[in-house]
């Protein structure tokens, strides 16, 4: 669920709601929630890029944060 934890943190840091991120990506809010809660696998590269763009961060930021999270556990 590492991606979901990072996604949730980035959403909070952005000040956007899950619904707004979903709208910007063109997916349902439930899909964002499913990603956060680990009910689905990690997103495709194109969807990960769209999510990062919606949050105003790079895909590399997600990768770096995931690596940091995995080292802390």
Protein backbone atom coordinates (compact mmCIF):
# COMPACT_ATOMS: atom_id res chain seq x y z
CA UNK A 1 0.00 0.00 0.00
CA UNK A 2 3.04 2.23 -0.24
CA UNK A 3 1.74 4.09 -3.30
CA UNK A 4 -1.54 4.76 -1.51
CA UNK A 5 0.20 6.20 1.54
CA UNK A 6 2.27 8.53 -0.61
CA UNK A 7 -0.74 9.51 -2.70
CA UNK A 8 -2.76 10.33 0.41
CA UNK A 9 0.09 12.45 1.80
CA UNK A 10 0.51 14.34 -1.49
CA UNK A 11 -3.23 15.00 -1.70
CA UNK A 12 -3.21 16.44 1.82
CA UNK A 13 -0.14 18.54 1.06
CA UNK A 14 -1.73 19.88 -2.14
CA UNK A 15 -4.79 21.16 -0.32
CA UNK A 16 -7.02 19.54 -2.93
CA UNK A 17 -9.84 17.15 -2.17
CA UNK A 18 -9.82 13.59 -3.44
CA UNK A 19 -12.79 14.53 -5.61
CA UNK A 20 -10.89 17.42 -7.19
CA UNK A 21 -7.84 15.26 -7.91
CA UNK A 22 -10.10 12.63 -9.47
CA UNK A 23 -11.84 15.28 -11.58
CA UNK A 24 -8.51 16.62 -12.85
CA UNK A 25 -7.35 13.11 -13.72
CA UNK A 26 -10.66 12.14 -15.32
CA UNK A 27 -11.47 9.25 -13.00
CA UNK A 28 -14.00 8.67 -10.24
CA UNK A 29 -13.29 9.68 -6.65
CA UNK A 30 -13.77 6.04 -5.67
CA UNK A 31 -10.78 5.11 -7.85
CA UNK A 32 -8.60 7.56 -5.92
CA UNK A 33 -9.91 6.13 -2.66
CA UNK A 34 -9.24 2.58 -3.88
CA UNK A 35 -5.65 3.53 -4.74
CA UNK A 36 -5.15 5.11 -1.31
CA UNK A 37 -6.61 2.12 0.51
CA UNK A 38 -4.70 -0.44 -1.53
CA UNK A 39 -7.81 -2.03 -3.04
CA UNK A 40 -6.27 -1.74 -6.48
CA UNK A 41 -2.70 -2.15 -7.62
CA UNK A 42 -0.45 0.72 -8.45
CA UNK A 43 -1.70 2.77 -11.39
CA UNK A 44 -0.40 2.54 -14.93
CA UNK A 45 2.42 4.88 -15.87
CA UNK A 46 0.04 7.15 -17.77
CA UNK A 47 -2.40 7.32 -14.85
CA UNK A 48 0.44 7.89 -12.36
CA UNK A 49 1.64 10.77 -14.54
CA UNK A 50 -1.87 12.24 -14.72
CA UNK A 51 -2.23 12.01 -10.94
CA UNK A 52 1.17 13.61 -10.38
CA UNK A 53 0.28 16.40 -12.83
CA UNK A 54 -3.04 16.99 -11.05
CA UNK A 55 -1.15 17.35 -7.77
CA UNK A 56 1.53 19.58 -9.27
CA UNK A 57 4.37 17.16 -8.53
CA UNK A 58 6.57 14.94 -10.66
CA UNK A 59 6.34 11.18 -10.98
CA UNK A 60 9.89 11.16 -9.66
CA UNK A 61 8.59 12.79 -6.47
CA UNK A 62 6.28 9.80 -5.99
CA UNK A 63 9.15 7.37 -6.59
CA UNK A 64 11.43 9.21 -4.16
CA UNK A 65 8.73 9.36 -1.48
CA UNK A 66 7.95 5.67 -1.91
CA UNK A 67 11.64 4.81 -1.51
CA UNK A 68 11.81 6.95 1.65
CA UNK A 69 8.68 5.30 3.06
CA UNK A 70 10.02 1.79 2.38
CA UNK A 71 13.32 2.59 4.10
CA UNK A 72 11.48 3.87 7.18
CA UNK A 73 9.49 0.62 7.58
